[in-house]
Amino acid sequence: MSLYNIEINSLDGSPINLNDYKGKHILFVNVASECGFTGQYEDLQKLYDTYQDKLMVIGVPCNQFGGQEPGTSDQIQSFCSKNYGVTFLMTEKIDVKGDNQHPLYKWLTNKDLNSVKSTSVKWNFQKYLVDGNGAFVDYFYSITKPLSSKITRQLK
C-alpha cells in the first residue's frame, strides 16, 4: 500500500491528493490547539516557509490526547491562522490511534505498511517524516522542535 493512495480530507472538507506532493518530503504532525506544545505551530510555519520547495508540512488535528483539540474545523482554522499565521496544509480532525485510527496513521505507525518501523503516537505534535518517493524516513516525539537538526538535516 502506497502512502500516495491514502485518502484524507483537508480541514475545509475537500479531498487532499497526496500524489501532489511526490518529489517533496512530507512532515505529518498531529496537532492540537490547547496543548503545551501548541507553540510549535510557529516553528512548523518557519520550517514550511524555509523549505517549501522540498517539503510539505501537513498538520493533522486530533483530540485523542487530553481533549486538547475540541474545536470544529472552522475554529481550528481560525485559531491557526490568527495566532500562528499557518499557511501549510491542515487535514480534517482524525484519530491517530485506537479502533478508529485513520488509514494515514495506520500507514505511518505500522511496519507492515511503511516497511521501516512500527511506532505509537504518544502525544500531540509527534512528527512523521516521509521522503519525496513516499518512503518512511523517521518519526520524532513531541519534544523534538520542528527546526531541530534531526529534521532539517533530512531536507538538505
N, C-alpha and C. Protein backbone atom coordinates (compact mmCIF):
# COMPACT_ATOMS: atom_id res chain seq x y z
N MET A 1 0.85 -1.19 0.00
CA MET A 1 0.00 0.00 0.00
C MET A 1 0.89 1.25 0.00
N SER A 2 0.67 2.14 -0.94
CA SER A 2 1.44 3.36 -1.06
C SER A 2 0.82 4.48 -0.22
N LEU A 3 1.66 5.28 0.38
CA LEU A 3 1.19 6.47 1.09
C LEU A 3 0.32 7.32 0.19
N TYR A 4 0.71 7.41 -1.08
CA TYR A 4 0.02 8.30 -2.01
C TYR A 4 -1.41 7.84 -2.35
N ASN A 5 -1.77 6.62 -2.01
CA ASN A 5 -3.12 6.13 -2.27
C ASN A 5 -4.09 6.40 -1.12
N ILE A 6 -3.57 6.90 -0.01
CA ILE A 6 -4.41 7.12 1.17
C ILE A 6 -5.29 8.35 0.97
N GLU A 7 -6.54 8.21 1.32
CA GLU A 7 -7.49 9.31 1.18
C GLU A 7 -7.69 10.00 2.51
N ILE A 8 -7.60 11.33 2.47
CA ILE A 8 -7.86 12.16 3.64
C ILE A 8 -8.34 13.51 3.14
N ASN A 9 -9.17 14.16 3.91
CA ASN A 9 -9.70 15.46 3.52
C ASN A 9 -8.97 16.58 4.24
N SER A 10 -9.03 17.75 3.64
CA SER A 10 -8.47 18.93 4.27
C SER A 10 -9.43 19.42 5.35
N LEU A 11 -9.00 20.41 6.08
CA LEU A 11 -9.81 20.96 7.17
C LEU A 11 -11.13 21.53 6.64
N ASP A 12 -11.14 21.99 5.38
CA ASP A 12 -12.38 22.52 4.81
C ASP A 12 -13.24 21.43 4.16
N GLY A 13 -12.80 20.17 4.25
CA GLY A 13 -13.60 19.05 3.75
C GLY A 13 -13.28 18.61 2.34
N SER A 14 -12.40 19.33 1.64
CA SER A 14 -12.06 18.91 0.28
C SER A 14 -10.97 17.83 0.30
N PRO A 15 -11.01 16.90 -0.66
CA PRO A 15 -10.03 15.81 -0.67
C PRO A 15 -8.61 16.33 -0.88
N ILE A 16 -7.67 15.73 -0.19
CA ILE A 16 -6.25 16.00 -0.38
C ILE A 16 -5.70 14.88 -1.25
N ASN A 17 -5.01 15.24 -2.31
CA ASN A 17 -4.35 14.25 -3.16
C ASN A 17 -2.87 14.23 -2.78
N LEU A 18 -2.46 13.25 -2.01
CA LEU A 18 -1.07 13.18 -1.56
C LEU A 18 -0.10 13.03 -2.73
N ASN A 19 -0.59 12.56 -3.89
CA ASN A 19 0.23 12.49 -5.09
C ASN A 19 0.79 13.85 -5.50
N ASP A 20 0.06 14.91 -5.12
CA ASP A 20 0.51 16.27 -5.45
C ASP A 20 1.85 16.60 -4.81
N TYR A 21 2.25 15.83 -3.81
CA TYR A 21 3.48 16.12 -3.07
C TYR A 21 4.60 15.15 -3.37
N LYS A 22 4.41 14.32 -4.41
CA LYS A 22 5.51 13.45 -4.84
C LYS A 22 6.69 14.33 -5.20
N GLY A 23 7.88 13.89 -4.80
CA GLY A 23 9.08 14.68 -5.05
C GLY A 23 9.44 15.59 -3.90
N LYS A 24 8.54 15.74 -2.94
CA LYS A 24 8.80 16.54 -1.74
C LYS A 24 8.72 15.64 -0.51
N HIS A 25 9.50 16.00 0.51
CA HIS A 25 9.31 15.38 1.81
C HIS A 25 7.95 15.84 2.34
N ILE A 26 7.33 15.02 3.15
CA ILE A 26 6.10 15.42 3.85
C ILE A 26 6.34 15.19 5.34
N LEU A 27 6.05 16.22 6.14
CA LEU A 27 6.12 16.09 7.59
C LEU A 27 4.69 16.13 8.11
N PHE A 28 4.22 14.99 8.61
CA PHE A 28 2.89 14.90 9.21
C PHE A 28 3.02 15.14 10.70
N VAL A 29 2.18 16.02 11.23
CA VAL A 29 2.23 16.36 12.65
C VAL A 29 0.82 16.35 13.20
N ASN A 30 0.57 15.51 14.21
CA ASN A 30 -0.75 15.55 14.85
C ASN A 30 -0.76 16.76 15.80
N VAL A 31 -1.70 17.66 15.56
CA VAL A 31 -1.70 18.97 16.22
C VAL A 31 -2.92 19.13 17.12
N ALA A 32 -2.80 20.08 18.07
CA ALA A 32 -3.89 20.41 18.98
C ALA A 32 -3.72 21.85 19.44
N SER A 33 -4.83 22.55 19.55
CA SER A 33 -4.82 23.98 19.87
C SER A 33 -4.62 24.30 21.35
N GLU A 34 -4.84 23.33 22.23
CA GLU A 34 -4.78 23.61 23.67
C GLU A 34 -3.71 22.77 24.37
N CYS A 35 -2.61 22.54 23.69
CA CYS A 35 -1.53 21.69 24.19
C CYS A 35 -0.34 22.55 24.60
N GLY A 36 0.46 22.04 25.52
CA GLY A 36 1.69 22.73 25.90
C GLY A 36 2.66 22.88 24.73
N PHE A 37 2.51 22.05 23.71
CA PHE A 37 3.38 22.12 22.53
C PHE A 37 2.77 22.96 21.40
N THR A 38 1.61 23.57 21.62
CA THR A 38 0.92 24.31 20.57
C THR A 38 1.79 25.40 19.96
N GLY A 39 2.69 25.97 20.74
CA GLY A 39 3.60 26.99 20.23
C GLY A 39 4.46 26.49 19.08
N GLN A 40 4.56 25.16 18.90
CA GLN A 40 5.33 24.62 17.79
C GLN A 40 4.72 24.99 16.43
N TYR A 41 3.47 25.43 16.40
CA TYR A 41 2.89 25.90 15.15
C TYR A 41 3.79 26.97 14.52
N GLU A 42 4.35 27.84 15.36
CA GLU A 42 5.19 28.93 14.86
C GLU A 42 6.41 28.38 14.12
N ASP A 43 7.10 27.41 14.73
CA ASP A 43 8.28 26.83 14.08
C ASP A 43 7.91 25.91 12.92
N LEU A 44 6.75 25.27 12.98
CA LEU A 44 6.30 24.47 11.83
C LEU A 44 6.09 25.39 10.62
N GLN A 45 5.54 26.58 10.87
CA GLN A 45 5.35 27.54 9.78
C GLN A 45 6.70 28.02 9.26
N LYS A 46 7.66 28.29 10.14
CA LYS A 46 9.00 28.70 9.72
C LYS A 46 9.67 27.59 8.90
N LEU A 47 9.53 26.35 9.36
CA LEU A 47 10.08 25.21 8.63
C LEU A 47 9.48 25.15 7.23
N TYR A 48 8.18 25.28 7.15
CA TYR A 48 7.49 25.26 5.85
C TYR A 48 7.95 26.41 4.96
N ASP A 49 8.01 27.61 5.53
CA ASP A 49 8.44 28.78 4.75
C ASP A 49 9.85 28.60 4.20
N THR A 50 10.72 28.02 5.02
CA THR A 50 12.13 27.85 4.63
C THR A 50 12.32 26.77 3.58
N TYR A 51 11.60 25.68 3.70
CA TYR A 51 11.85 24.50 2.85
C TYR A 51 10.70 24.16 1.92
N GLN A 52 9.78 25.08 1.68
CA GLN A 52 8.57 24.69 0.93
C GLN A 52 8.82 24.22 -0.49
N ASP A 53 10.01 24.48 -1.05
CA ASP A 53 10.33 23.94 -2.36
C ASP A 53 10.60 22.45 -2.30
N LYS A 54 10.92 21.93 -1.10
CA LYS A 54 11.21 20.50 -0.97
C LYS A 54 10.46 19.81 0.17
N LEU A 55 9.54 20.54 0.81
CA LEU A 55 8.83 20.00 1.97
C LEU A 55 7.39 20.48 2.01
N MET A 56 6.47 19.57 2.31
CA MET A 56 5.10 19.95 2.66
C MET A 56 4.89 19.56 4.11
N VAL A 57 4.46 20.52 4.90
CA VAL A 57 4.07 20.24 6.28
C VAL A 57 2.56 20.03 6.26
N ILE A 58 2.12 18.97 6.88
CA ILE A 58 0.69 18.69 6.97
C ILE A 58 0.31 18.51 8.43
N GLY A 59 -0.48 19.46 8.94
CA GLY A 59 -0.99 19.39 10.30
C GLY A 59 -2.23 18.52 10.33
N VAL A 60 -2.28 17.64 11.33
CA VAL A 60 -3.38 16.67 11.43
C VAL A 60 -4.04 16.84 12.81
N PRO A 61 -5.10 17.65 12.88
CA PRO A 61 -5.77 17.85 14.17
C PRO A 61 -6.29 16.54 14.76
N CYS A 62 -6.10 16.40 16.07
CA CYS A 62 -6.50 15.19 16.78
C CYS A 62 -6.89 15.57 18.20
N ASN A 63 -7.97 14.99 18.68
CA ASN A 63 -8.47 15.30 20.03
C ASN A 63 -8.30 14.12 20.98
N GLN A 64 -7.36 13.21 20.70
CA GLN A 64 -7.22 12.00 21.50
C GLN A 64 -6.30 12.13 22.70
N PHE A 65 -5.62 13.24 22.83
CA PHE A 65 -4.66 13.40 23.93
C PHE A 65 -5.11 14.55 24.82
N GLY A 66 -5.73 14.20 25.92
CA GLY A 66 -6.18 15.20 26.88
C GLY A 66 -7.31 16.09 26.38
N GLY A 67 -8.00 15.70 25.31
CA GLY A 67 -9.09 16.52 24.77
C GLY A 67 -8.61 17.91 24.38
N GLN A 68 -7.38 18.00 23.88
CA GLN A 68 -6.76 19.31 23.64
C GLN A 68 -7.04 19.89 22.26
N GLU A 69 -7.87 19.23 21.48
CA GLU A 69 -8.32 19.80 20.20
C GLU A 69 -9.83 19.63 20.09
N PRO A 70 -10.59 20.37 20.93
CA PRO A 70 -12.04 20.21 20.95
C PRO A 70 -12.77 20.97 19.84
N GLY A 71 -12.08 21.86 19.14
CA GLY A 71 -12.73 22.77 18.21
C GLY A 71 -13.28 22.12 16.96
N THR A 72 -14.16 22.87 16.30
CA THR A 72 -14.67 22.49 14.99
C THR A 72 -13.61 22.83 13.94
N SER A 73 -13.81 22.40 12.73
CA SER A 73 -12.87 22.71 11.65
C SER A 73 -12.69 24.21 11.50
N ASP A 74 -13.79 24.97 11.53
CA ASP A 74 -13.70 26.43 11.40
C ASP A 74 -12.92 27.05 12.56
N GLN A 75 -13.16 26.55 13.77
CA GLN A 75 -12.44 27.08 14.94
C GLN A 75 -10.95 26.78 14.85
N ILE A 76 -10.61 25.57 14.42
CA ILE A 76 -9.20 25.19 14.29
C ILE A 76 -8.52 26.06 13.24
N GLN A 77 -9.17 26.22 12.09
CA GLN A 77 -8.60 27.04 11.02
C GLN A 77 -8.39 28.48 11.48
N SER A 78 -9.37 29.03 12.14
CA SER A 78 -9.29 30.41 12.62
C SER A 78 -8.16 30.56 13.65
N PHE A 79 -8.09 29.62 14.58
CA PHE A 79 -7.05 29.65 15.62
C PHE A 79 -5.66 29.61 15.00
N CYS A 80 -5.45 28.71 14.06
CA CYS A 80 -4.12 28.55 13.46
C CYS A 80 -3.73 29.77 12.63
N SER A 81 -4.67 30.31 11.89
CA SER A 81 -4.39 31.48 11.06
C SER A 81 -4.13 32.71 11.91
N LYS A 82 -5.02 32.96 12.86
CA LYS A 82 -4.95 34.17 13.67
C LYS A 82 -3.74 34.18 14.59
N ASN A 83 -3.47 33.07 15.24
CA ASN A 83 -2.41 33.04 16.25
C ASN A 83 -1.03 32.71 15.71
N TYR A 84 -0.97 31.95 14.60
CA TYR A 84 0.33 31.47 14.13
C TYR A 84 0.57 31.71 12.64
N GLY A 85 -0.39 32.30 11.92
CA GLY A 85 -0.21 32.58 10.51
C GLY A 85 0.01 31.32 9.67
N VAL A 86 -0.61 30.22 10.08
CA VAL A 86 -0.41 28.93 9.41
C VAL A 86 -0.91 28.99 7.96
N THR A 87 -0.01 28.64 7.04
CA THR A 87 -0.39 28.53 5.63
C THR A 87 -0.15 27.13 5.09
N PHE A 88 0.50 26.26 5.90
CA PHE A 88 0.69 24.88 5.43
C PHE A 88 -0.64 24.14 5.51
N LEU A 89 -0.67 22.97 4.92
CA LEU A 89 -1.89 22.19 4.79
C LEU A 89 -2.35 21.62 6.13
N MET A 90 -3.65 21.69 6.37
CA MET A 90 -4.25 21.09 7.56
C MET A 90 -5.33 20.12 7.11
N THR A 91 -5.35 18.93 7.74
CA THR A 91 -6.36 17.93 7.41
C THR A 91 -7.57 18.08 8.33
N GLU A 92 -8.56 17.28 8.02
CA GLU A 92 -9.70 17.12 8.91
C GLU A 92 -9.22 16.53 10.23
N LYS A 93 -10.01 16.68 11.28
CA LYS A 93 -9.68 16.09 12.57
C LYS A 93 -9.89 14.58 12.49
N ILE A 94 -8.87 13.82 12.91
CA ILE A 94 -8.94 12.36 12.82
C ILE A 94 -8.44 11.72 14.11
N ASP A 95 -8.58 10.40 14.19
CA ASP A 95 -7.97 9.60 15.25
C ASP A 95 -6.63 9.08 14.73
N VAL A 96 -5.58 9.25 15.54
CA VAL A 96 -4.25 8.80 15.14
C VAL A 96 -3.86 7.48 15.81
N LYS A 97 -4.75 6.97 16.67
CA LYS A 97 -4.51 5.69 17.33
C LYS A 97 -5.86 5.08 17.69
N GLY A 98 -5.83 3.82 18.10
CA GLY A 98 -7.05 3.17 18.58
C GLY A 98 -7.89 2.53 17.48
N ASP A 99 -9.10 2.14 17.86
CA ASP A 99 -10.00 1.39 16.97
C ASP A 99 -10.38 2.16 15.72
N ASN A 100 -10.45 3.48 15.81
CA ASN A 100 -10.85 4.30 14.66
C ASN A 100 -9.67 5.03 14.03
N GLN A 101 -8.48 4.45 14.19
CA GLN A 101 -7.27 5.06 13.63
C GLN A 101 -7.43 5.25 12.12
N HIS A 102 -7.13 6.46 11.67
CA HIS A 102 -7.23 6.79 10.25
C HIS A 102 -6.19 5.99 9.45
N PRO A 103 -6.51 5.59 8.21
CA PRO A 103 -5.55 4.84 7.39
C PRO A 103 -4.18 5.53 7.25
N LEU A 104 -4.16 6.86 7.25
CA LEU A 104 -2.87 7.57 7.17
C LEU A 104 -1.98 7.19 8.33
N TYR A 105 -2.54 7.19 9.53
CA TYR A 105 -1.74 6.87 10.70
C TYR A 105 -1.52 5.37 10.85
N LYS A 106 -2.39 4.55 10.26
CA LYS A 106 -2.09 3.12 10.20
C LYS A 106 -0.81 2.92 9.40
N TRP A 107 -0.70 3.63 8.27
CA TRP A 107 0.50 3.51 7.42
C TRP A 107 1.72 4.07 8.15
N LEU A 108 1.57 5.23 8.76
CA LEU A 108 2.72 5.87 9.42
C LEU A 108 3.25 5.06 10.61
N THR A 109 2.37 4.32 11.28
CA THR A 109 2.76 3.66 12.53
C THR A 109 2.94 2.14 12.43
N ASN A 110 2.77 1.57 11.24
CA ASN A 110 2.79 0.11 11.11
C ASN A 110 3.87 -0.34 10.12
N LYS A 111 4.87 -1.07 10.61
CA LYS A 111 5.97 -1.54 9.77
C LYS A 111 5.47 -2.39 8.59
N ASP A 112 4.40 -3.14 8.80
CA ASP A 112 3.86 -3.97 7.72
C ASP A 112 3.39 -3.11 6.54
N LEU A 113 3.07 -1.85 6.80
CA LEU A 113 2.60 -0.95 5.75
C LEU A 113 3.70 0.00 5.26
N ASN A 114 4.50 0.55 6.20
CA ASN A 114 5.52 1.53 5.80
C ASN A 114 6.89 0.91 5.53
N SER A 115 7.03 -0.36 5.83
CA SER A 115 8.25 -1.16 5.56
C SER A 115 9.49 -0.74 6.35
N VAL A 116 9.34 0.13 7.36
CA VAL A 116 10.51 0.58 8.11
C VAL A 116 10.39 0.27 9.59
N LYS A 117 9.35 0.79 10.26
CA LYS A 117 9.21 0.53 11.69
C LYS A 117 7.80 0.77 12.16
N SER A 118 7.48 0.10 13.25
CA SER A 118 6.21 0.33 13.92
C SER A 118 6.43 1.26 15.10
N THR A 119 5.49 2.17 15.28
CA THR A 119 5.57 3.15 16.37
C THR A 119 4.18 3.32 16.95
N SER A 120 4.10 4.09 18.01
CA SER A 120 2.79 4.51 18.50
C SER A 120 2.86 6.01 18.76
N VAL A 121 1.74 6.66 18.53
CA VAL A 121 1.67 8.10 18.76
C VAL A 121 1.48 8.31 20.25
N LYS A 122 2.43 9.00 20.87
CA LYS A 122 2.42 9.18 22.32
C LYS A 122 1.70 10.43 22.78
N TRP A 123 1.74 11.50 21.96
CA TRP A 123 1.15 12.78 22.38
C TRP A 123 1.00 13.69 21.18
N ASN A 124 0.39 14.85 21.38
CA ASN A 124 0.25 15.86 20.34
C ASN A 124 1.62 16.32 19.85
N PHE A 125 1.69 16.71 18.61
CA PHE A 125 2.88 17.25 17.96
C PHE A 125 3.99 16.22 17.79
N GLN A 126 3.62 14.93 17.71
CA GLN A 126 4.58 13.92 17.26
C GLN A 126 4.67 14.06 15.74
N LYS A 127 5.86 13.90 15.21
CA LYS A 127 6.12 14.19 13.80
C LYS A 127 6.57 12.94 13.06
N TYR A 128 6.06 12.78 11.83
CA TYR A 128 6.43 11.67 10.96
C TYR A 128 6.92 12.25 9.64
N LEU A 129 8.13 11.86 9.23
CA LEU A 129 8.72 12.37 8.00
C LEU A 129 8.76 11.28 6.94
N VAL A 130 8.30 11.65 5.75
CA VAL A 130 8.28 10.76 4.59
C VAL A 130 9.09 11.46 3.50
N ASP A 131 9.86 10.71 2.73
CA ASP A 131 10.69 11.35 1.70
C ASP A 131 9.91 11.60 0.41
N GLY A 132 10.59 12.17 -0.57
CA GLY A 132 9.96 12.55 -1.82
C GLY A 132 9.47 11.39 -2.68
N ASN A 133 9.85 10.18 -2.31
CA ASN A 133 9.36 8.99 -3.01
C ASN A 133 8.25 8.28 -2.24
N GLY A 134 7.83 8.89 -1.13
CA GLY A 134 6.77 8.29 -0.32
C GLY A 134 7.26 7.22 0.63
N ALA A 135 8.59 7.20 0.89
CA ALA A 135 9.15 6.21 1.82
C ALA A 135 9.25 6.81 3.22
N PHE A 136 8.90 6.02 4.21
CA PHE A 136 9.00 6.43 5.61
C PHE A 136 10.47 6.72 5.94
N VAL A 137 10.74 7.88 6.53
CA VAL A 137 12.11 8.23 6.93
C VAL A 137 12.30 8.02 8.42
N ASP A 138 11.50 8.71 9.24
CA ASP A 138 11.65 8.60 10.69
C ASP A 138 10.48 9.31 11.37
N TYR A 139 10.44 9.18 12.69
CA TYR A 139 9.45 9.90 13.47
C TYR A 139 10.17 10.57 14.62
N PHE A 140 9.52 11.59 15.16
CA PHE A 140 10.12 12.41 16.21
C PHE A 140 9.06 12.71 17.25
N TYR A 141 9.41 12.49 18.52
CA TYR A 141 8.46 12.77 19.60
C TYR A 141 8.19 14.27 19.71
N SER A 142 7.18 14.61 20.45
CA SER A 142 6.73 15.99 20.62
C SER A 142 7.84 16.94 21.06
N ILE A 143 8.76 16.44 21.88
CA ILE A 143 9.81 17.33 22.39
C ILE A 143 10.81 17.75 21.31
N THR A 144 10.83 17.06 20.18
CA THR A 144 11.71 17.46 19.08
C THR A 144 11.11 18.68 18.39
N LYS A 145 11.83 19.78 18.43
CA LYS A 145 11.33 21.02 17.84
C LYS A 145 11.35 20.91 16.31
N PRO A 146 10.39 21.56 15.66
CA PRO A 146 10.31 21.47 14.19
C PRO A 146 11.58 21.91 13.47
N LEU A 147 12.32 22.85 14.02
CA LEU A 147 13.54 23.34 13.36
C LEU A 147 14.79 22.58 13.83
N SER A 148 14.60 21.50 14.57
CA SER A 148 15.71 20.68 15.05
C SER A 148 16.52 20.14 13.87
N SER A 149 17.83 20.02 14.08
CA SER A 149 18.68 19.45 13.03
C SER A 149 18.30 18.02 12.73
N LYS A 150 17.66 17.32 13.67
CA LYS A 150 17.19 15.95 13.41
C LYS A 150 16.24 15.94 12.21
N ILE A 151 15.49 17.00 12.06
CA ILE A 151 14.53 17.12 10.95
C ILE A 151 15.18 17.84 9.76
N THR A 152 15.78 18.98 10.00
CA THR A 152 16.27 19.80 8.88
C THR A 152 17.39 19.12 8.09
N ARG A 153 18.21 18.30 8.75
CA ARG A 153 19.30 17.63 8.01
C ARG A 153 18.75 16.66 6.96
N GLN A 154 17.52 16.19 7.16
CA GLN A 154 16.89 15.29 6.18
C GLN A 154 16.45 16.05 4.92
N LEU A 155 16.41 17.38 5.02
CA LEU A 155 15.88 18.20 3.92
C LEU A 155 16.97 18.85 3.09
N LYS A 156 18.23 18.65 3.49
CA LYS A 156 19.33 19.34 2.79
C LYS A 156 19.85 18.55 1.63
